[in-house]
Amino acid sequence: MPSHIPLQDADMLSAIFEDLLQDHEISRYSAVADGIMTRLIFTYDLGIRDPKLLKRLTVPFL
């Protein structure tokens, strides 16, 4: 697990997260949103950096 997330990657993860919330009409302050972010960070920690792939791998768990 990385000790930090570079700013560019943090911006990318934030954009993916916002897209997923909007696409699936999920409240940012819900347990589902927490799960999405957890899965997104987990997938990122596996070394995946492609935004489309990160989004696709997070979606099946909604």
Protein backbone atom coordinates (compact mmCIF):
# COMPACT_ATOMS: atom_id res chain seq x y z
CA MET A 1 0.00 0.00 0.00
CA PRO A 2 1.48 3.37 -0.95
CA SER A 3 2.25 5.79 1.86
CA HIS A 4 0.70 8.65 -0.11
CA ILE A 5 -1.30 9.32 -3.25
CA PRO A 6 0.25 11.84 -5.65
CA LEU A 7 -1.87 14.96 -6.20
CA GLN A 8 -2.49 14.11 -9.86
CA ASP A 9 -3.79 10.67 -8.89
CA ALA A 10 -5.90 12.12 -6.07
CA ASP A 11 -7.53 14.45 -8.60
CA MET A 12 -8.16 11.49 -10.93
CA LEU A 13 -9.69 9.40 -8.12
CA SER A 14 -11.89 12.30 -7.06
CA ALA A 15 -13.17 12.76 -10.62
CA ILE A 16 -13.91 9.03 -10.96
CA PHE A 17 -15.71 9.04 -7.61
CA GLU A 18 -17.84 12.04 -8.59
CA ASP A 19 -18.67 10.42 -11.96
CA LEU A 20 -19.78 7.21 -10.26
CA LEU A 21 -21.95 9.08 -7.77
CA GLN A 22 -23.59 11.08 -10.53
CA ASP A 23 -23.98 8.13 -12.93
CA HIS A 24 -25.69 6.00 -10.29
CA GLU A 25 -27.50 8.85 -8.47
CA ILE A 26 -25.85 8.09 -5.14
CA SER A 27 -25.61 10.55 -2.26
CA ARG A 28 -22.06 11.51 -1.36
CA TYR A 29 -22.90 11.03 2.33
CA SER A 30 -24.27 7.48 2.06
CA ALA A 31 -22.85 4.13 3.08
CA VAL A 32 -22.88 3.18 -0.61
CA ALA A 33 -20.61 6.15 -1.40
CA ASP A 34 -18.23 5.03 1.36
CA GLY A 35 -18.14 1.57 -0.21
CA ILE A 36 -17.45 3.02 -3.64
CA MET A 37 -14.51 5.04 -2.36
CA THR A 38 -13.15 2.06 -0.43
CA ARG A 39 -13.28 -0.14 -3.53
CA LEU A 40 -11.82 2.60 -5.73
CA ILE A 41 -8.84 3.12 -3.39
CA PHE A 42 -8.38 -0.65 -3.03
CA THR A 43 -8.26 -1.05 -6.81
CA TYR A 44 -5.86 1.90 -7.10
CA ASP A 45 -3.63 0.31 -4.44
CA LEU A 46 -3.42 -2.81 -6.63
CA GLY A 47 -1.54 -0.64 -9.13
CA ILE A 48 -4.32 0.12 -11.60
CA ARG A 49 -4.01 3.70 -12.87
CA ASP A 50 -6.23 3.73 -15.97
CA PRO A 51 -9.31 5.87 -15.15
CA LYS A 52 -11.68 3.87 -17.35
CA LEU A 53 -10.52 0.58 -15.87
CA LEU A 54 -10.72 1.91 -12.30
CA LYS A 55 -14.29 3.05 -12.95
CA ARG A 56 -15.27 -0.23 -14.59
CA LEU A 57 -13.80 -2.35 -11.78
CA THR A 58 -15.59 -0.28 -9.14
CA VAL A 59 -19.05 -0.36 -10.79
CA PRO A 60 -19.81 -4.11 -10.41
CA PHE A 61 -19.73 -3.69 -6.63
CA LEU A 62 -22.54 -1.13 -6.45
